[in-house]
C-alpha atoms as a PDB file:
ATOM      1  CA  MET A   1       2.069  11.292   9.792  1.00  0.00           C
ATOM      2  CA  ASN A   2       3.143  11.183   6.160  1.00  0.00           C
ATOM      3  CA  LYS A   3       1.382   8.265   4.495  1.00  0.00           C
ATOM      4  CA  LYS A   4       3.408   8.409   1.272  1.00  0.00           C
ATOM      5  CA  LEU A   5       5.480   5.299   0.599  1.00  0.00           C
ATOM      6  CA  TYR A   6       8.271   4.877  -1.904  1.00  0.00           C
ATOM      7  CA  VAL A   7       9.667   1.751  -3.552  1.00  0.00           C
ATOM      8  CA  GLU A   8      13.357   2.111  -4.423  1.00  0.00           C
ATOM      9  CA  ARG A   9      15.916  -0.245  -5.907  1.00  0.00           C
ATOM     10  CA  THR A  10      19.010  -0.918  -3.834  1.00  0.00           C
ATOM     11  CA  GLY A  11      22.562  -1.416  -5.036  1.00  0.00           C
ATOM     12  CA  ASP A  12      22.243  -5.189  -4.684  1.00  0.00           C
ATOM     13  CA  GLY A  13      19.147  -5.346  -6.917  1.00  0.00           C
ATOM     14  CA  ARG A  14      16.566  -5.743  -4.161  1.00  0.00           C
ATOM     15  CA  TYR A  15      13.729  -3.298  -3.463  1.00  0.00           C
ATOM     16  CA  VAL A  16      12.962  -1.357  -0.298  1.00  0.00           C
ATOM     17  CA  VAL A  17       9.731   0.218   0.889  1.00  0.00           C
ATOM     18  CA  LYS A  18      10.367   3.497   2.705  1.00  0.00           C
ATOM     19  CA  ARG A  19       8.431   6.448   4.024  1.00  0.00           C
ATOM     20  CA  ALA A  20       9.523   9.938   2.994  1.00  0.00           C
ATOM     21  CA  ASN A  21      12.672  11.055   4.845  1.00  0.00           C
ATOM     22  CA  ALA A  22      13.023   7.690   6.629  1.00  0.00           C
ATOM     23  CA  GLU A  23      16.509   6.462   7.418  1.00  0.00           C
ATOM     24  CA  ARG A  24      15.519   2.798   7.510  1.00  0.00           C
ATOM     25  CA  ALA A  25      13.413   0.709   5.174  1.00  0.00           C
ATOM     26  CA  SER A  26      10.005  -0.512   6.313  1.00  0.00           C
ATOM     27  CA  ALA A  27      10.398  -3.644   4.163  1.00  0.00           C
ATOM     28  CA  ILE A  28      12.904  -5.228   1.771  1.00  0.00           C
ATOM     29  CA  ARG A  29      11.843  -7.572  -1.032  1.00  0.00           C
ATOM     30  CA  ASP A  30      13.571  -9.374  -3.892  1.00  0.00           C
ATOM     31  CA  THR A  31      11.312  -8.046  -6.660  1.00  0.00           C
ATOM     32  CA  GLN A  32       9.703  -4.713  -7.406  1.00  0.00           C
ATOM     33  CA  ALA A  33       6.268  -6.366  -7.633  1.00  0.00           C
ATOM     34  CA  GLU A  34       6.635  -7.834  -4.134  1.00  0.00           C
ATOM     35  CA  ALA A  35       7.720  -4.462  -2.738  1.00  0.00           C
ATOM     36  CA  ILE A  36       4.751  -2.713  -4.366  1.00  0.00           C
ATOM     37  CA  GLU A  37       2.382  -5.302  -2.888  1.00  0.00           C
ATOM     38  CA  VAL A  38       3.829  -4.767   0.593  1.00  0.00           C
ATOM     39  CA  ALA A  39       3.564  -0.979   0.216  1.00  0.00           C
ATOM     40  CA  ARG A  40      -0.094  -1.285  -0.779  1.00  0.00           C
ATOM     41  CA  GLU A  41      -0.778  -3.531   2.225  1.00  0.00           C
ATOM     42  CA  MET A  42       0.973  -1.084   4.559  1.00  0.00           C
ATOM     43  CA  ASN A  43      -0.945   1.900   3.212  1.00  0.00           C
ATOM     44  CA  PRO A  44      -4.353   0.858   1.838  1.00  0.00           C
ATOM     45  CA  GLY A  45      -5.988   3.371  -0.467  1.00  0.00           C
ATOM     46  CA  HIS A  46      -2.714   5.036  -1.456  1.00  0.00           C
ATOM     47  CA  SER A  47      -0.476   4.085  -4.366  1.00  0.00           C
ATOM     48  CA  PRO A  48       3.248   4.055  -3.620  1.00  0.00           C
ATOM     49  CA  ASP A  49       5.661   6.015  -5.784  1.00  0.00           C
ATOM     50  CA  VAL A  50       8.023   3.662  -7.598  1.00  0.00           C
ATOM     51  CA  GLU A  51      11.523   4.605  -8.667  1.00  0.00           C
ATOM     52  CA  ARG A  52      12.341   4.030 -12.294  1.00  0.00           C
ATOM     53  CA  VAL A  53      15.679   4.824 -13.786  1.00  0.00           C
ATOM     54  CA  LYS A  54      15.548   5.954 -17.347  1.00  0.00           C
ATOM     55  CA  HIS A  55      18.670   7.302 -18.963  1.00  0.00           C
ATOM     56  CA  THR A  56      17.882   9.979 -21.503  1.00  0.00           C
ATOM     57  CA  ASN A  57      19.599  13.031 -22.896  1.00  0.00           C
ATOM     58  CA  ARG A  58      17.061  15.290 -21.187  1.00  0.00           C
ATOM     59  CA  GLY A  59      16.237  15.760 -17.547  1.00  0.00           C
ATOM     60  CA  LYS A  60      17.264  13.713 -14.582  1.00  0.00           C
ATOM     61  CA  PRO A  61      17.874   9.970 -14.929  1.00  0.00           C
ATOM     62  CA  ASP A  62      15.842   9.105 -11.836  1.00  0.00           C
ATOM     63  CA  GLN A  63      12.099   9.562 -12.097  1.00  0.00           C
ATOM     64  CA  TRP A  64       9.097   8.418 -10.065  1.00  0.00           C
ATOM     65  CA  ARG A  65       5.847   6.878 -11.219  1.00  0.00           C
ATOM     66  CA  LYS A  66       2.666   5.807  -9.466  1.00  0.00           C
ATOM     67  CA  ALA A  67       2.305   2.062  -8.946  1.00  0.00           C
END
């Protein structure tokens, strides 16, 4: 089982916790901090990858960082 969790922002400004290639979210929270906390509780010992959108002239606008 893939233990990697991701925290992504939704179109309505909330944050979802998802496993790689999952169709449905494991959790939905109002803030990024809450979603990160849930992801850490779901997967102790592993940091979730958190989506950050950074618009620059180079590279892709969507990047991931460790929480």
